[in-house]
Amino acid sequence: MVFSLLSKTPKVILEKLNRVLIALYGAKEICEKTALTVENRQLRYTILGLAQESKQYANELKSHLQILEGEISGMDSHAEMNYSGQSNKMDWEITSEKNKLDLCTHNEKMIVQAYSELLNEPHLYENIREMIRYQLRGLLQSFSKLKLLSTSI
């Protein structure tokens, strides 16, 4: 009975869920690298909290994706490699703290866009829609805290 529901998940929804997952892994990667180089301890802890929250939400989303499509073929490694390559290009020692924080803020825009596209999907299952809503609210709250703290530097 459960299997019949799994085969009916539209591919568009699965692709949008994958985009959100990749955006969350990207935020985690960038925030972790940023936190290692930030001098302000309170700001560093806030950034690390955002990285941890992104990872937790990504793991939760990954679990739902595994239920919906059966198995994710290397999504962890693909998503992390995608953002590792991008963040390795940046010289983290030379870049100012303000530029690093701007990069974290840029991740907020990508994440909000991915979540919004998913929430606008009319065929999204209600339990996943609720999960996406509370994840988005939590991330927006963390990004707001980061922005507030970054004004003090």
Protein backbone atom coordinates (compact mmCIF):
# COMPACT_ATOMS: atom_id res chain seq x y z
CA MET A 1 0.00 0.00 0.00
CA VAL A 2 2.78 2.44 0.89
CA PHE A 3 4.66 1.51 -2.27
CA SER A 4 1.76 2.62 -4.46
CA LEU A 5 1.98 6.11 -2.94
CA LEU A 6 5.72 6.28 -3.49
CA SER A 7 5.48 5.73 -7.21
CA LYS A 8 3.01 8.62 -7.55
CA THR A 9 5.35 11.35 -6.27
CA PRO A 10 5.74 13.81 -9.15
CA LYS A 11 9.27 14.16 -10.45
CA VAL A 12 9.02 17.96 -10.24
CA ILE A 13 8.56 17.75 -6.48
CA LEU A 14 11.53 15.42 -6.11
CA GLU A 15 13.71 17.79 -8.14
CA LYS A 16 12.66 20.77 -6.04
CA LEU A 17 13.31 18.83 -2.84
CA ASN A 18 16.78 17.99 -4.20
CA ARG A 19 17.42 21.70 -4.91
CA VAL A 20 16.53 22.57 -1.32
CA LEU A 21 18.81 19.80 -0.09
CA ILE A 22 21.72 21.07 -2.18
CA ALA A 23 21.13 24.64 -0.95
CA LEU A 24 21.17 23.44 2.67
CA TYR A 25 24.42 21.53 2.17
CA GLY A 26 25.88 24.64 0.54
CA ALA A 27 24.89 26.82 3.48
CA LYS A 28 26.42 24.31 5.88
CA GLU A 29 29.71 24.22 3.98
CA ILE A 30 30.04 27.99 3.62
CA CYS A 31 29.04 28.69 7.23
CA GLU A 32 31.51 26.16 8.61
CA LYS A 33 34.38 27.66 6.62
CA THR A 34 33.32 31.17 7.58
CA ALA A 35 33.11 30.31 11.28
CA LEU A 36 36.67 28.98 11.30
CA THR A 37 38.04 32.36 10.27
CA VAL A 38 35.81 34.78 12.23
CA GLU A 39 37.43 36.43 15.25
CA ASN A 40 34.28 37.49 17.13
CA ARG A 41 33.34 34.54 19.34
CA GLN A 42 29.62 35.29 19.56
CA LEU A 43 29.42 35.71 15.79
CA ARG A 44 31.37 32.48 15.27
CA TYR A 45 28.95 30.55 17.49
CA THR A 46 25.97 32.00 15.66
CA ILE A 47 27.45 30.98 12.31
CA LEU A 48 28.22 27.49 13.61
CA GLY A 49 24.65 27.25 14.89
CA LEU A 50 23.38 28.14 11.44
CA ALA A 51 25.64 25.48 9.90
CA GLN A 52 24.37 22.88 12.37
CA GLU A 53 20.75 23.85 11.74
CA SER A 54 21.28 23.59 7.98
CA LYS A 55 22.80 20.13 8.40
CA GLN A 56 19.95 18.94 10.61
CA TYR A 57 17.33 20.22 8.17
CA ALA A 58 19.21 18.64 5.27
CA ASN A 59 19.27 15.28 7.07
CA GLU A 60 15.57 15.51 7.83
CA LEU A 61 14.80 16.39 4.22
CA LYS A 62 17.06 13.60 2.98
CA SER A 63 15.08 11.11 5.06
CA HIS A 64 11.83 12.26 3.49
CA LEU A 65 13.38 12.07 0.03
CA GLN A 66 14.49 8.50 0.69
CA ILE A 67 10.93 7.60 1.63
CA LEU A 68 9.47 9.31 -1.43
CA GLU A 69 11.86 8.01 -4.06
CA GLY A 70 13.31 4.94 -2.39
CA GLU A 71 16.96 5.93 -2.49
CA ILE A 72 19.05 9.00 -3.14
CA SER A 73 21.93 8.08 -5.38
CA GLY A 74 24.94 9.85 -3.90
CA MET A 75 23.10 13.07 -3.10
CA ASP A 76 25.24 13.75 -0.03
CA SER A 77 28.52 13.51 -1.85
CA HIS A 78 27.21 15.30 -4.95
CA ALA A 79 25.81 18.23 -2.99
CA GLU A 80 28.82 18.56 -0.74
CA MET A 81 31.29 18.29 -3.64
CA ASN A 82 29.33 20.93 -5.56
CA TYR A 83 29.74 23.45 -2.76
CA SER A 84 33.19 22.32 -1.61
CA GLY A 85 34.56 23.17 -5.01
CA GLN A 86 32.93 26.59 -4.94
CA SER A 87 34.07 27.46 -1.43
CA ASN A 88 37.61 26.15 -1.99
CA LYS A 89 38.09 28.72 -4.76
CA MET A 90 37.73 31.51 -2.21
CA ASP A 91 40.84 32.61 -0.32
CA TRP A 92 39.48 32.48 3.23
CA GLU A 93 42.55 34.08 4.81
CA ILE A 94 42.58 37.22 2.67
CA THR A 95 38.84 37.87 2.48
CA SER A 96 37.50 40.30 5.09
CA GLU A 97 34.98 39.22 7.72
CA LYS A 98 32.36 41.46 6.14
CA ASN A 99 32.77 39.67 2.76
CA LYS A 100 32.50 36.28 4.44
CA LEU A 101 29.30 37.33 6.20
CA ASP A 102 27.95 38.66 2.92
CA LEU A 103 28.56 35.22 1.42
CA CYS A 104 26.52 33.66 4.23
CA THR A 105 23.77 36.19 3.58
CA HIS A 106 23.85 35.34 -0.14
CA ASN A 107 23.15 31.73 0.87
CA GLU A 108 20.01 32.96 2.60
CA LYS A 109 18.66 34.24 -0.73
CA MET A 110 19.35 30.92 -2.46
CA ILE A 111 17.75 28.93 0.33
CA VAL A 112 14.64 31.14 0.51
CA GLN A 113 14.23 30.90 -3.26
CA ALA A 114 14.52 27.09 -3.22
CA TYR A 115 12.07 26.79 -0.32
CA SER A 116 9.62 29.23 -1.94
CA GLU A 117 9.61 27.32 -5.22
CA LEU A 118 8.85 24.14 -3.29
CA LEU A 119 6.09 25.74 -1.21
CA ASN A 120 4.44 27.06 -4.39
CA GLU A 121 4.13 23.49 -5.69
CA PRO A 122 0.40 22.58 -5.53
CA HIS A 123 0.97 18.80 -5.37
CA LEU A 124 3.31 18.86 -2.38
CA TYR A 125 2.26 16.48 0.40
CA GLU A 126 0.86 18.37 3.39
CA ASN A 127 3.23 16.83 5.96
CA ILE A 128 6.22 17.83 3.83
CA ARG A 129 4.76 21.31 3.32
CA GLU A 130 4.53 21.74 7.11
CA MET A 131 8.12 20.54 7.53
CA ILE A 132 9.33 22.95 4.85
CA ARG A 133 7.49 25.84 6.51
CA TYR A 134 9.02 25.32 9.94
CA GLN A 135 12.47 24.76 8.45
CA LEU A 136 12.19 28.00 6.51
CA ARG A 137 11.01 29.90 9.60
CA GLY A 138 13.92 28.52 11.63
CA LEU A 139 16.49 29.40 9.00
CA LEU A 140 15.10 32.91 8.54
CA GLN A 141 15.31 33.44 12.29
CA SER A 142 18.94 32.26 12.34
CA PHE A 143 19.86 34.46 9.39
CA SER A 144 18.21 37.44 11.10
CA LYS A 145 20.27 36.83 14.21
CA LEU A 146 23.42 36.60 12.08
CA LYS A 147 22.62 39.88 10.34
CA LEU A 148 21.98 41.60 13.66
CA LEU A 149 25.28 40.41 15.10
CA SER A 150 27.19 41.25 11.94
CA THR A 151 26.19 44.91 12.26
CA SER A 152 28.28 45.07 15.41
CA ILE A 153 31.55 44.38 13.58
